């Protein structure tokens, strides 16, 4: 599992646009790619923060047989992509519960972090 953080910009201003862009980029290199929209992951709410519904899509048979599920978490200035990658669809499904736990552990702190001197 790994993550990537991208700044929101034209063409990737929200999770939906980022998901579409990922599909377009991956299909160029992987003509046999199969995309599955899977059940969103719910990050539980806390005191003054509501629950977050995180969209997830799965890439099957990408880049010569790879299997990945990607969760797209939107923040005010970024989109965080949390990825589980596997060599088989069976192993991806086997490890998916741990992926869900990782996504649910995500907490956004702030975008205006300042180092105190």
Protein backbone atom coordinates (compact mmCIF):
# COMPACT_ATOMS: atom_id res chain seq x y z
CA UNK A 1 0.00 0.00 0.00
CA UNK A 2 1.15 3.52 -0.69
CA UNK A 3 -0.23 7.00 -1.10
CA UNK A 4 0.18 9.93 -3.41
CA UNK A 5 -0.93 13.52 -2.90
CA UNK A 6 -1.82 15.74 -5.86
CA UNK A 7 -2.68 19.41 -5.88
CA UNK A 8 -6.09 20.27 -7.21
CA UNK A 9 -5.83 21.96 -10.59
CA UNK A 10 -7.76 22.24 -13.83
CA UNK A 11 -8.90 18.76 -14.85
CA UNK A 12 -8.37 17.33 -11.36
CA UNK A 13 -10.39 19.63 -9.15
CA UNK A 14 -12.29 16.86 -7.38
CA UNK A 15 -12.22 13.10 -6.82
CA UNK A 16 -14.49 12.39 -9.78
CA UNK A 17 -12.23 14.25 -12.22
CA UNK A 18 -9.13 12.60 -10.74
CA UNK A 19 -10.71 9.16 -11.09
CA UNK A 20 -11.55 9.83 -14.74
CA UNK A 21 -8.00 11.10 -15.41
CA UNK A 22 -6.50 7.98 -13.81
CA UNK A 23 -8.63 5.75 -16.03
CA UNK A 24 -7.66 7.66 -19.19
CA UNK A 25 -3.92 7.57 -18.35
CA UNK A 26 -3.91 3.90 -17.38
CA UNK A 27 -5.91 2.76 -20.44
CA UNK A 28 -3.28 4.28 -22.74
CA UNK A 29 -0.69 1.82 -21.39
CA UNK A 30 -3.03 -1.05 -20.56
CA UNK A 31 -5.50 -1.81 -23.35
CA UNK A 32 -6.86 -4.86 -21.44
CA UNK A 33 -7.64 -2.78 -18.37
CA UNK A 34 -10.92 -3.39 -16.57
CA UNK A 35 -12.23 -0.70 -14.20
CA UNK A 36 -14.61 -1.50 -11.37
CA UNK A 37 -16.34 1.10 -9.24
CA UNK A 38 -16.53 -0.41 -5.79
CA UNK A 39 -18.40 0.50 -2.62
CA UNK A 40 -17.14 3.80 -1.15
CA UNK A 41 -15.25 3.65 2.13
CA UNK A 42 -16.69 5.66 5.00
CA UNK A 43 -14.24 7.49 7.26
CA UNK A 44 -16.15 7.91 10.54
CA UNK A 45 -16.91 11.43 11.70
CA UNK A 46 -15.43 12.93 14.83
CA UNK A 47 -16.64 15.54 17.31
CA UNK A 48 -17.14 18.51 14.96
CA UNK A 49 -16.20 16.77 11.69
CA UNK A 50 -18.74 14.84 9.61
CA UNK A 51 -18.08 11.38 8.17
CA UNK A 52 -16.33 11.33 4.80
CA UNK A 53 -17.52 9.12 1.94
CA UNK A 54 -14.43 8.14 -0.07
CA UNK A 55 -14.91 6.89 -3.64
CA UNK A 56 -12.84 3.86 -4.68
CA UNK A 57 -12.12 2.32 -8.05
CA UNK A 58 -10.28 -0.88 -8.86
CA UNK A 59 -7.95 -1.38 -11.81
CA UNK A 60 -7.81 -5.01 -12.97
CA UNK A 61 -5.14 -6.30 -15.35
CA UNK A 62 -3.28 -3.00 -15.66
CA UNK A 63 0.37 -2.77 -16.70
CA UNK A 64 0.81 -6.43 -17.67
CA UNK A 65 -1.34 -8.00 -14.99
CA UNK A 66 -1.31 -5.70 -11.99
CA UNK A 67 -4.30 -5.20 -9.70
CA UNK A 68 -4.95 -2.04 -7.68
CA UNK A 69 -7.69 -0.33 -5.74
CA UNK A 70 -7.45 3.42 -5.27
CA UNK A 71 -9.29 5.56 -2.70
CA UNK A 72 -9.62 9.27 -3.57
CA UNK A 73 -9.83 11.57 -0.54
CA UNK A 74 -10.59 15.22 -1.23
CA UNK A 75 -9.22 18.05 0.91
CA UNK A 76 -9.46 21.78 0.33
CA UNK A 77 -6.30 22.01 -1.84
CA UNK A 78 -5.35 18.39 -2.53
CA UNK A 79 -6.59 14.94 -3.41
CA UNK A 80 -4.98 12.08 -1.50
CA UNK A 81 -4.79 8.77 -3.36
CA UNK A 82 -4.40 5.74 -1.12
CA UNK A 83 -3.50 2.65 -3.15
CA UNK A 84 -3.34 -1.08 -2.54
CA UNK A 85 -1.44 -2.92 -5.24
CA UNK A 86 -1.23 -6.67 -5.84
CA UNK A 87 -0.03 -9.30 -8.30
CA UNK A 88 -3.40 -11.07 -8.37
CA UNK A 89 -7.07 -10.25 -7.97
CA UNK A 90 -7.34 -12.93 -5.29
CA UNK A 91 -4.59 -11.34 -3.14
CA UNK A 92 -6.10 -7.90 -3.67
CA UNK A 93 -9.41 -9.13 -2.25
CA UNK A 94 -7.64 -10.97 0.57
CA UNK A 95 -5.85 -7.80 1.72
CA UNK A 96 -8.72 -5.38 1.02
CA UNK A 97 -9.93 -5.24 4.65
CA UNK A 98 -6.53 -3.86 5.70
CA UNK A 99 -6.79 -1.28 2.91
CA UNK A 100 -10.17 -0.18 4.27
CA UNK A 101 -8.66 0.20 7.76
CA UNK A 102 -5.83 2.31 6.36
CA UNK A 103 -8.24 4.60 4.50
CA UNK A 104 -10.44 4.92 7.59
CA UNK A 105 -7.43 5.96 9.66
CA UNK A 106 -6.88 9.05 7.47
CA UNK A 107 -7.23 12.39 9.26
CA UNK A 108 -6.87 15.82 7.66
CA UNK A 109 -5.32 18.28 10.08
CA UNK A 110 -5.10 21.61 8.26
CA UNK A 111 -3.83 23.24 5.08
CA UNK A 112 -2.37 26.29 6.82
CA UNK A 113 0.28 24.59 8.93
CA UNK A 114 2.91 27.01 10.22
CA UNK A 115 6.13 26.08 11.95
CA UNK A 116 6.54 27.86 15.28
CA UNK A 117 9.97 29.32 15.94
